[in-house]
PDB file of N, CA and C in Angstrom:
ATOM      1  N   MET A   1      75.019  54.947  91.157  1.00  0.00           N
ATOM      2  CA  MET A   1      74.821  56.006  89.768  1.00  0.00           C
ATOM      3  C   MET A   1      76.415  55.919  89.289  1.00  0.00           C
ATOM      4  N   PRO A   2      76.348  56.148  88.255  1.00  0.00           N
ATOM      5  CA  PRO A   2      77.712  56.425  87.355  1.00  0.00           C
ATOM      6  C   PRO A   2      78.315  57.568  87.663  1.00  0.00           C
ATOM      7  N   GLY A   3      79.506  57.395  87.967  1.00  0.00           N
ATOM      8  CA  GLY A   3      80.556  58.517  88.170  1.00  0.00           C
ATOM      9  C   GLY A   3      80.541  59.475  89.359  1.00  0.00           C
ATOM     10  N   GLN A   4      79.750  58.785  90.121  1.00  0.00           N
ATOM     11  CA  GLN A   4      79.506  59.083  91.878  1.00  0.00           C
ATOM     12  C   GLN A   4      80.820  58.873  92.600  1.00  0.00           C
ATOM     13  N   GLY A   5      81.492  57.880  92.269  1.00  0.00           N
ATOM     14  CA  GLY A   5      83.048  57.445  93.089  1.00  0.00           C
ATOM     15  C   GLY A   5      83.882  58.839  92.597  1.00  0.00           C
ATOM     16  N   LYS A   6      83.968  59.138  91.024  1.00  0.00           N
ATOM     17  CA  LYS A   6      84.843  60.107  90.624  1.00  0.00           C
ATOM     18  C   LYS A   6      84.324  61.466  91.358  1.00  0.00           C
ATOM     19  N   ARG A   7      83.242  61.758  91.283  1.00  0.00           N
ATOM     20  CA  ARG A   7      83.220  62.970  91.586  1.00  0.00           C
ATOM     21  C   ARG A   7      83.560  63.313  93.401  1.00  0.00           C
ATOM     22  N   ARG A   8      83.118  61.922  94.250  1.00  0.00           N
ATOM     23  CA  ARG A   8      83.838  62.151  95.450  1.00  0.00           C
ATOM     24  C   ARG A   8      84.897  61.922  95.760  1.00  0.00           C
ATOM     25  N   ARG A   9      85.618  61.003  94.638  1.00  0.00           N
ATOM     26  CA  ARG A   9      87.373  61.220  94.813  1.00  0.00           C
ATOM     27  C   ARG A   9      87.823  63.051  94.539  1.00  0.00           C
ATOM     28  N   GLY A  10      87.073  63.967  93.503  1.00  0.00           N
ATOM     29  CA  GLY A  10      87.431  64.681  93.438  1.00  0.00           C
ATOM     30  C   GLY A  10      86.903  65.951  94.431  1.00  0.00           C
ATOM     31  N   GLN A  11      86.069  65.628  95.069  1.00  0.00           N
ATOM     32  CA  GLN A  11      85.934  66.694  96.091  1.00  0.00           C
ATOM     33  C   GLN A  11      86.996  66.565  97.557  1.00  0.00           C
ATOM     34  N   ALA A  12      86.803  65.270  97.427  1.00  0.00           N
ATOM     35  CA  ALA A  12      88.109  64.916  98.699  1.00  0.00           C
ATOM     36  C   ALA A  12      89.227  65.405  98.209  1.00  0.00           C
ATOM     37  N   ALA A  13      89.624  65.426  97.283  1.00  0.00           N
ATOM     38  CA  ALA A  13      90.929  66.140  96.594  1.00  0.00           C
ATOM     39  C   ALA A  13      90.930  67.404  96.897  1.00  0.00           C
ATOM     40  N   GLU A  14      89.913  68.160  96.450  1.00  0.00           N
ATOM     41  CA  GLU A  14      89.818  69.705  96.573  1.00  0.00           C
ATOM     42  C   GLU A  14      89.861  70.062  97.839  1.00  0.00           C
ATOM     43  N   ARG A  15      89.006  69.310  99.291  1.00  0.00           N
ATOM     44  CA  ARG A  15      89.413  70.059 100.420  1.00  0.00           C
ATOM     45  C   ARG A  15      90.587  68.962 100.584  1.00  0.00           C
ATOM     46  N   GLN A  16      91.234  68.394 100.480  1.00  0.00           N
ATOM     47  CA  GLN A  16      92.760  68.395 100.858  1.00  0.00           C
ATOM     48  C   GLN A  16      93.560  69.279 100.493  1.00  0.00           C
ATOM     49  N   ARG A  17      93.839  69.859  98.875  1.00  0.00           N
ATOM     50  CA  ARG A  17      94.068  70.936  98.505  1.00  0.00           C
ATOM     51  C   ARG A  17      93.945  71.847  99.397  1.00  0.00           C
ATOM     52  N   LEU A  18      92.839  72.544  99.796  1.00  0.00           N
ATOM     53  CA  LEU A  18      92.283  73.488 100.753  1.00  0.00           C
ATOM     54  C   LEU A  18      92.722  73.580 102.240  1.00  0.00           C
ATOM     55  N   ALA A  19      92.754  72.475 102.216  1.00  0.00           N
ATOM     56  CA  ALA A  19      93.570  72.478 103.734  1.00  0.00           C
ATOM     57  C   ALA A  19      94.619  72.368 103.919  1.00  0.00           C
ATOM     58  N   ALA A  20      95.463  72.287 102.516  1.00  0.00           N
ATOM     59  CA  ALA A  20      97.387  72.176 102.336  1.00  0.00           C
ATOM     60  C   ALA A  20      97.450  73.871 102.180  1.00  0.00           C
ATOM     61  N   ARG A  21      96.492  74.847 101.500  1.00  0.00           N
ATOM     62  CA  ARG A  21      96.921  75.883 101.467  1.00  0.00           C
ATOM     63  C   ARG A  21      96.598  76.521 102.885  1.00  0.00           C
ATOM     64  N   THR A  22      95.514  76.277 103.468  1.00  0.00           N
ATOM     65  CA  THR A  22      94.901  77.166 104.756  1.00  0.00           C
ATOM     66  C   THR A  22      95.713  76.497 106.036  1.00  0.00           C
ATOM     67  N   ALA A  23      96.782  75.619 105.856  1.00  0.00           N
ATOM     68  CA  ALA A  23      97.022  74.853 106.859  1.00  0.00           C
ATOM     69  C   ALA A  23      98.000  76.165 108.007  1.00  0.00           C
ATOM     70  N   PRO A  24      98.042  75.622 109.569  1.00  0.00           N
ATOM     71  CA  PRO A  24      98.210  76.695 110.413  1.00  0.00           C
ATOM     72  C   PRO A  24      99.612  77.477 109.823  1.00  0.00           C
ATOM     73  N   ASP A  25     100.579  76.648 109.452  1.00  0.00           N
ATOM     74  CA  ASP A  25     101.886  76.936 109.336  1.00  0.00           C
ATOM     75  C   ASP A  25     101.826  78.034 108.216  1.00  0.00           C
ATOM     76  N   ARG A  26     101.000  78.093 107.363  1.00  0.00           N
ATOM     77  CA  ARG A  26     100.709  79.008 106.165  1.00  0.00           C
ATOM     78  C   ARG A  26     100.332  80.261 106.449  1.00  0.00           C
ATOM     79  N   GLY A  27      99.689  80.473 107.293  1.00  0.00           N
ATOM     80  CA  GLY A  27      99.169  81.497 107.711  1.00  0.00           C
ATOM     81  C   GLY A  27      98.206  81.992 108.963  1.00  0.00           C
ATOM     82  N   ARG A  28      97.244  82.718 109.239  1.00  0.00           N
ATOM     83  CA  ARG A  28      96.035  82.572 109.997  1.00  0.00           C
ATOM     84  C   ARG A  28      95.063  83.451 109.481  1.00  0.00           C
ATOM     85  N   TRP A  29      93.915  82.789 110.221  1.00  0.00           N
ATOM     86  CA  TRP A  29      92.612  83.835 109.559  1.00  0.00           C
ATOM     87  C   TRP A  29      92.216  84.838 110.575  1.00  0.00           C
ATOM     88  N   GLU A  30      92.469  85.929 109.722  1.00  0.00           N
ATOM     89  CA  GLU A  30      92.003  87.284 110.229  1.00  0.00           C
ATOM     90  C   GLU A  30      90.373  87.521 110.406  1.00  0.00           C
ATOM     91  N   THR A  31      89.962  88.165 110.912  1.00  0.00           N
ATOM     92  CA  THR A  31      88.450  88.135 111.317  1.00  0.00           C
ATOM     93  C   THR A  31      88.208  89.570 110.722  1.00  0.00           C
ATOM     94  N   VAL A  32      87.311  89.561 109.755  1.00  0.00           N
ATOM     95  CA  VAL A  32      87.171  91.068 108.953  1.00  0.00           C
ATOM     96  C   VAL A  32      86.092  91.590 109.412  1.00  0.00           C
ATOM     97  N   CYS A  33      84.861  91.105 109.427  1.00  0.00           N
ATOM     98  CA  CYS A  33      83.501  91.558 110.333  1.00  0.00           C
ATOM     99  C   CYS A  33      83.243  90.223 111.349  1.00  0.00           C
ATOM    100  N   GLU A  34      82.481  91.017 112.317  1.00  0.00           N
ATOM    101  CA  GLU A  34      81.639  90.148 113.071  1.00  0.00           C
ATOM    102  C   GLU A  34      80.230  91.068 113.623  1.00  0.00           C
ATOM    103  N   THR A  35      78.819  90.774 112.750  1.00  0.00           N
ATOM    104  CA  THR A  35      78.155  91.274 113.111  1.00  0.00           C
ATOM    105  C   THR A  35      76.860  90.057 113.664  1.00  0.00           C
ATOM    106  N   GLY A  36      75.845  90.921 114.053  1.00  0.00           N
ATOM    107  CA  GLY A  36      74.143  90.106 113.923  1.00  0.00           C
ATOM    108  C   GLY A  36      73.499  90.478 112.916  1.00  0.00           C
ATOM    109  N   ASP A  37      73.567  90.946 112.308  1.00  0.00           N
ATOM    110  CA  ASP A  37      73.069  91.288 110.908  1.00  0.00           C
ATOM    111  C   ASP A  37      73.532  90.792 109.702  1.00  0.00           C
ATOM    112  N   GLU A  38      72.663  90.100 109.022  1.00  0.00           N
ATOM    113  CA  GLU A  38      72.935  88.985 108.163  1.00  0.00           C
ATOM    114  C   GLU A  38      73.340  89.689 106.590  1.00  0.00           C
ATOM    115  N   ALA A  39      72.268  90.571 106.803  1.00  0.00           N
ATOM    116  CA  ALA A  39      72.383  91.215 105.301  1.00  0.00           C
ATOM    117  C   ALA A  39      74.001  91.962 105.146  1.00  0.00           C
ATOM    118  N   GLU A  40      74.496  92.905 106.558  1.00  0.00           N
ATOM    119  CA  GLU A  40      75.397  93.422 106.382  1.00  0.00           C
ATOM    120  C   GLU A  40      76.847  92.404 106.148  1.00  0.00           C
ATOM    121  N   LEU A  41      76.565  91.537 106.825  1.00  0.00           N
ATOM    122  CA  LEU A  41      77.814  90.155 106.314  1.00  0.00           C
ATOM    123  C   LEU A  41      77.523  89.923 104.642  1.00  0.00           C
ATOM    124  N   HIS A  42      76.370  89.946 104.110  1.00  0.00           N
ATOM    125  CA  HIS A  42      76.449  89.430 103.016  1.00  0.00           C
ATOM    126  C   HIS A  42      77.220  90.724 101.872  1.00  0.00           C
ATOM    127  N   ALA A  43      76.855  92.119 102.637  1.00  0.00           N
ATOM    128  CA  ALA A  43      77.223  93.137 101.905  1.00  0.00           C
ATOM    129  C   ALA A  43      79.124  92.821 101.793  1.00  0.00           C
ATOM    130  N   HIS A  44      79.458  92.643 102.978  1.00  0.00           N
ATOM    131  CA  HIS A  44      80.974  92.623 103.275  1.00  0.00           C
ATOM    132  C   HIS A  44      81.318  91.683 102.371  1.00  0.00           C
ATOM    133  N   VAL A  45      80.785  90.333 101.977  1.00  0.00           N
ATOM    134  CA  VAL A  45      81.246  89.329 101.307  1.00  0.00           C
ATOM    135  C   VAL A  45      81.510  89.622  99.847  1.00  0.00           C
ATOM    136  N   HIS A  46      80.377  90.524  99.557  1.00  0.00           N
ATOM    137  CA  HIS A  46      80.158  90.807  98.313  1.00  0.00           C
ATOM    138  C   HIS A  46      81.574  91.967  97.984  1.00  0.00           C
ATOM    139  N   ARG A  47      81.569  92.911  98.850  1.00  0.00           N
ATOM    140  CA  ARG A  47      82.856  93.740  98.646  1.00  0.00           C
ATOM    141  C   ARG A  47      84.031  92.934  98.644  1.00  0.00           C
ATOM    142  N   LEU A  48      84.068  91.814  99.358  1.00  0.00           N
ATOM    143  CA  LEU A  48      85.546  91.488  99.388  1.00  0.00           C
ATOM    144  C   LEU A  48      85.528  90.426  98.112  1.00  0.00           C
ATOM    145  N   LEU A  49      84.564  89.702  97.717  1.00  0.00           N
ATOM    146  CA  LEU A  49      84.609  89.355  96.399  1.00  0.00           C
ATOM    147  C   LEU A  49      85.149  90.521  94.735  1.00  0.00           C
ATOM    148  N   GLN A  50      84.353  92.063  94.849  1.00  0.00           N
ATOM    149  CA  GLN A  50      84.504  92.451  93.934  1.00  0.00           C
ATOM    150  C   GLN A  50      86.141  92.777  94.241  1.00  0.00           C
ATOM    151  N   ALA A  51      86.705  93.168  95.541  1.00  0.00           N
ATOM    152  CA  ALA A  51      88.544  93.294  95.588  1.00  0.00           C
ATOM    153  C   ALA A  51      89.098  92.339  94.962  1.00  0.00           C
ATOM    154  N   GLY A  52      88.531  91.528  94.673  1.00  0.00           N
ATOM    155  CA  GLY A  52      89.319  89.932  94.013  1.00  0.00           C
ATOM    156  C   GLY A  52      89.821  88.917  94.773  1.00  0.00           C
ATOM    157  N   ILE A  53      89.229  88.857  96.368  1.00  0.00           N
ATOM    158  CA  ILE A  53      89.744  88.101  97.210  1.00  0.00           C
ATOM    159  C   ILE A  53      89.289  86.422  97.079  1.00  0.00           C
ATOM    160  N   ASP A  54      89.884  85.386  96.922  1.00  0.00           N
ATOM    161  CA  ASP A  54      89.364  84.036  96.671  1.00  0.00           C
ATOM    162  C   ASP A  54      88.238  83.709  97.977  1.00  0.00           C
ATOM    163  N   ALA A  55      87.386  83.274  96.869  1.00  0.00           N
ATOM    164  CA  ALA A  55      86.293  82.677  98.052  1.00  0.00           C
ATOM    165  C   ALA A  55      86.501  81.676  98.781  1.00  0.00           C
ATOM    166  N   SER A  56      87.454  80.983  98.566  1.00  0.00           N
ATOM    167  CA  SER A  56      88.179  79.465  98.904  1.00  0.00           C
ATOM    168  C   SER A  56      88.620  80.109 100.203  1.00  0.00           C
ATOM    169  N   LEU A  57      89.330  81.118 100.481  1.00  0.00           N
ATOM    170  CA  LEU A  57      89.732  81.819 101.260  1.00  0.00           C
ATOM    171  C   LEU A  57      89.047  82.740 102.684  1.00  0.00           C
ATOM    172  N   MET A  58      87.784  82.513 102.330  1.00  0.00           N
ATOM    173  CA  MET A  58      86.672  83.198 103.054  1.00  0.00           C
ATOM    174  C   MET A  58      86.192  81.975 104.147  1.00  0.00           C
ATOM    175  N   ARG A  59      85.914  82.465 105.149  1.00  0.00           N
ATOM    176  CA  ARG A  59      85.143  81.394 106.302  1.00  0.00           C
ATOM    177  C   ARG A  59      83.875  82.385 107.338  1.00  0.00           C
ATOM    178  N   ILE A  60      82.917  81.445 107.256  1.00  0.00           N
ATOM    179  CA  ILE A  60      81.549  82.863 107.647  1.00  0.00           C
ATOM    180  C   ILE A  60      81.336  81.756 108.961  1.00  0.00           C
ATOM    181  N   ASP A  61      81.740  82.241 110.134  1.00  0.00           N
ATOM    182  CA  ASP A  61      81.580  81.413 111.330  1.00  0.00           C
ATOM    183  C   ASP A  61      80.182  81.987 111.807  1.00  0.00           C
ATOM    184  N   THR A  62      79.047  81.025 112.481  1.00  0.00           N
ATOM    185  CA  THR A  62      77.588  81.141 112.764  1.00  0.00           C
ATOM    186  C   THR A  62      77.605  80.708 114.052  1.00  0.00           C
ATOM    187  N   LEU A  63      78.029  82.047 115.079  1.00  0.00           N
ATOM    188  CA  LEU A  63      77.877  81.776 116.651  1.00  0.00           C
ATOM    189  C   LEU A  63      76.362  81.874 117.538  1.00  0.00           C
ATOM    190  N   CYS A  64      75.863  80.523 117.453  1.00  0.00           N
ATOM    191  CA  CYS A  64      74.400  80.701 117.995  1.00  0.00           C
ATOM    192  C   CYS A  64      74.292  80.826 119.400  1.00  0.00           C
ATOM    193  N   GLY A  65      73.545  81.876 119.951  1.00  0.00           N
ATOM    194  CA  GLY A  65      73.370  83.128 120.891  1.00  0.00           C
ATOM    195  C   GLY A  65      72.504  81.862 121.900  1.00  0.00           C
ATOM    196  N   ARG A  66      71.513  81.126 121.183  1.00  0.00           N
ATOM    197  CA  ARG A  66      70.776  80.335 121.609  1.00  0.00           C
ATOM    198  C   ARG A  66      69.334  81.155 122.211  1.00  0.00           C
ATOM    199  N   LEU A  67      68.762  81.203 123.964  1.00  0.00           N
ATOM    200  CA  LEU A  67      68.266  81.972 124.466  1.00  0.00           C
ATOM    201  C   LEU A  67      69.180  82.993 125.427  1.00  0.00           C
ATOM    202  N   ALA A  68      70.246  83.007 125.620  1.00  0.00           N
ATOM    203  CA  ALA A  68      70.876  83.908 125.970  1.00  0.00           C
ATOM    204  C   ALA A  68      71.321  85.037 125.295  1.00  0.00           C
ATOM    205  N   GLN A  69      71.981  85.201 123.961  1.00  0.00           N
ATOM    206  CA  GLN A  69      72.731  86.359 123.327  1.00  0.00           C
ATOM    207  C   GLN A  69      71.907  85.788 121.795  1.00  0.00           C
ATOM    208  N   PRO A  70      71.838  86.612 121.271  1.00  0.00           N
ATOM    209  CA  PRO A  70      71.502  86.469 120.065  1.00  0.00           C
ATOM    210  C   PRO A  70      72.936  85.843 118.866  1.00  0.00           C
ATOM    211  N   THR A  71      71.991  85.562 117.812  1.00  0.00           N
ATOM    212  CA  THR A  71      73.140  85.007 116.840  1.00  0.00           C
ATOM    213  C   THR A  71      74.205  86.143 116.464  1.00  0.00           C
ATOM    214  N   VAL A  72      75.501  85.636 116.272  1.00  0.00           N
ATOM    215  CA  VAL A  72      76.488  86.494 115.709  1.00  0.00           C
ATOM    216  C   VAL A  72      77.180  85.882 114.344  1.00  0.00           C
ATOM    217  N   TYR A  73      77.478  86.336 113.496  1.00  0.00           N
ATOM    218  CA  TYR A  73      78.092  85.949 111.911  1.00  0.00           C
ATOM    219  C   TYR A  73      79.666  86.442 112.256  1.00  0.00           C
ATOM    220  N   ARG A  74      80.303  85.755 112.129  1.00  0.00           N
ATOM    221  CA  ARG A  74      81.961  86.077 111.866  1.00  0.00           C
ATOM    222  C   ARG A  74      82.445  85.979 110.247  1.00  0.00           C
ATOM    223  N   LEU A  75      82.752  86.933 109.728  1.00  0.00           N
ATOM    224  CA  LEU A  75      83.498  86.648 108.590  1.00  0.00           C
ATOM    225  C   LEU A  75      85.090  86.384 108.837  1.00  0.00           C
ATOM    226  N   SER A  76      85.743  85.797 108.262  1.00  0.00           N
ATOM    227  CA  SER A  76      87.385  85.735 108.171  1.00  0.00           C
ATOM    228  C   SER A  76      87.903  85.506 106.783  1.00  0.00           C
ATOM    229  N   ARG A  77      88.728  86.009 106.729  1.00  0.00           N
ATOM    230  CA  ARG A  77      89.822  85.839 105.413  1.00  0.00           C
ATOM    231  C   ARG A  77      91.242  85.249 105.826  1.00  0.00           C
ATOM    232  N   PHE A  78      91.830  84.360 105.102  1.00  0.00           N
ATOM    233  CA  PHE A  78      92.873  83.683 105.476  1.00  0.00           C
ATOM    234  C   PHE A  78      94.261  84.517 104.688  1.00  0.00           C
ATOM    235  N   VAL A  79      95.348  85.332 105.808  1.00  0.00           N
ATOM    236  CA  VAL A  79      96.120  85.786 105.380  1.00  0.00           C
ATOM    237  C   VAL A  79      97.597  85.086 105.570  1.00  0.00           C
ATOM    238  N   ALA A  80      98.059  84.709 104.236  1.00  0.00           N
ATOM    239  CA  ALA A  80      99.332  83.902 104.202  1.00  0.00           C
ATOM    240  C   ALA A  80     100.439  85.070 104.748  1.00  0.00           C
ATOM    241  N   ASP A  81     101.322  83.434 105.549  1.00  0.00           N
ATOM    242  CA  ASP A  81     102.399  84.430 106.246  1.00  0.00           C
ATOM    243  C   ASP A  81     103.314  84.317 104.921  1.00  0.00           C
ATOM    244  N   PRO A  82     104.020  85.671 104.816  1.00  0.00           N
ATOM    245  CA  PRO A  82     104.841  85.765 103.777  1.00  0.00           C
ATOM    246  C   PRO A  82     106.202  84.870 103.732  1.00  0.00           C
ATOM    247  N   THR A  83     106.600  84.927 104.770  1.00  0.00           N
ATOM    248  CA  THR A  83     107.874  83.664 105.494  1.00  0.00           C
ATOM    249  C   THR A  83     107.483  82.084 105.162  1.00  0.00           C
ATOM    250  N   ALA A  84     106.069  82.121 105.041  1.00  0.00           N
ATOM    251  CA  ALA A  84     105.827  80.446 104.953  1.00  0.00           C
ATOM    252  C   ALA A  84     106.442  79.658 103.621  1.00  0.00           C
ATOM    253  N   GLY A  85     106.509  80.416 102.457  1.00  0.00           N
ATOM    254  CA  GLY A  85     107.230  79.599 101.261  1.00  0.00           C
ATOM    255  C   GLY A  85     108.763  79.660 101.302  1.00  0.00           C
ATOM    256  N   ARG A  86     109.350  80.312 102.123  1.00  0.00           N
ATOM    257  CA  ARG A  86     111.064  80.104 102.410  1.00  0.00           C
ATOM    258  C   ARG A  86     111.128  79.045 103.090  1.00  0.00           C
ATOM    259  N   GLY A  87     112.114  78.542 102.658  1.00  0.00           N
ATOM    260  CA  GLY A  87     112.653  77.520 103.438  1.00  0.00           C
ATOM    261  C   GLY A  87     113.644  78.416 105.038  1.00  0.00           C
ATOM    262  N   ALA A  88     113.030  79.063 105.581  1.00  0.00           N
ATOM    263  CA  ALA A  88     113.450  79.775 106.609  1.00  0.00           C
ATOM    264  C   ALA A  88     113.814  78.625 107.712  1.00  0.00           C
TER     265      ALA A  88
END
């Protein structure tokens, strides 16, 4: 398909930029909420987006409980280290 290689290169470049922004030496992932209710998770995401948090700096982890425990959703956001940008 025409343009497919260009699109893939663009997507790969975007993934690399995001990985560089959220590198471990740049900050940490902070848990915002942990819930078993998917509607509550979406409400938290909506509130963060309304507050102006960048969606690319949010992460949703799904912890599958299988038979022993119910599924749990964990919403985290990346918090930049204020000293990461300086040459300390």
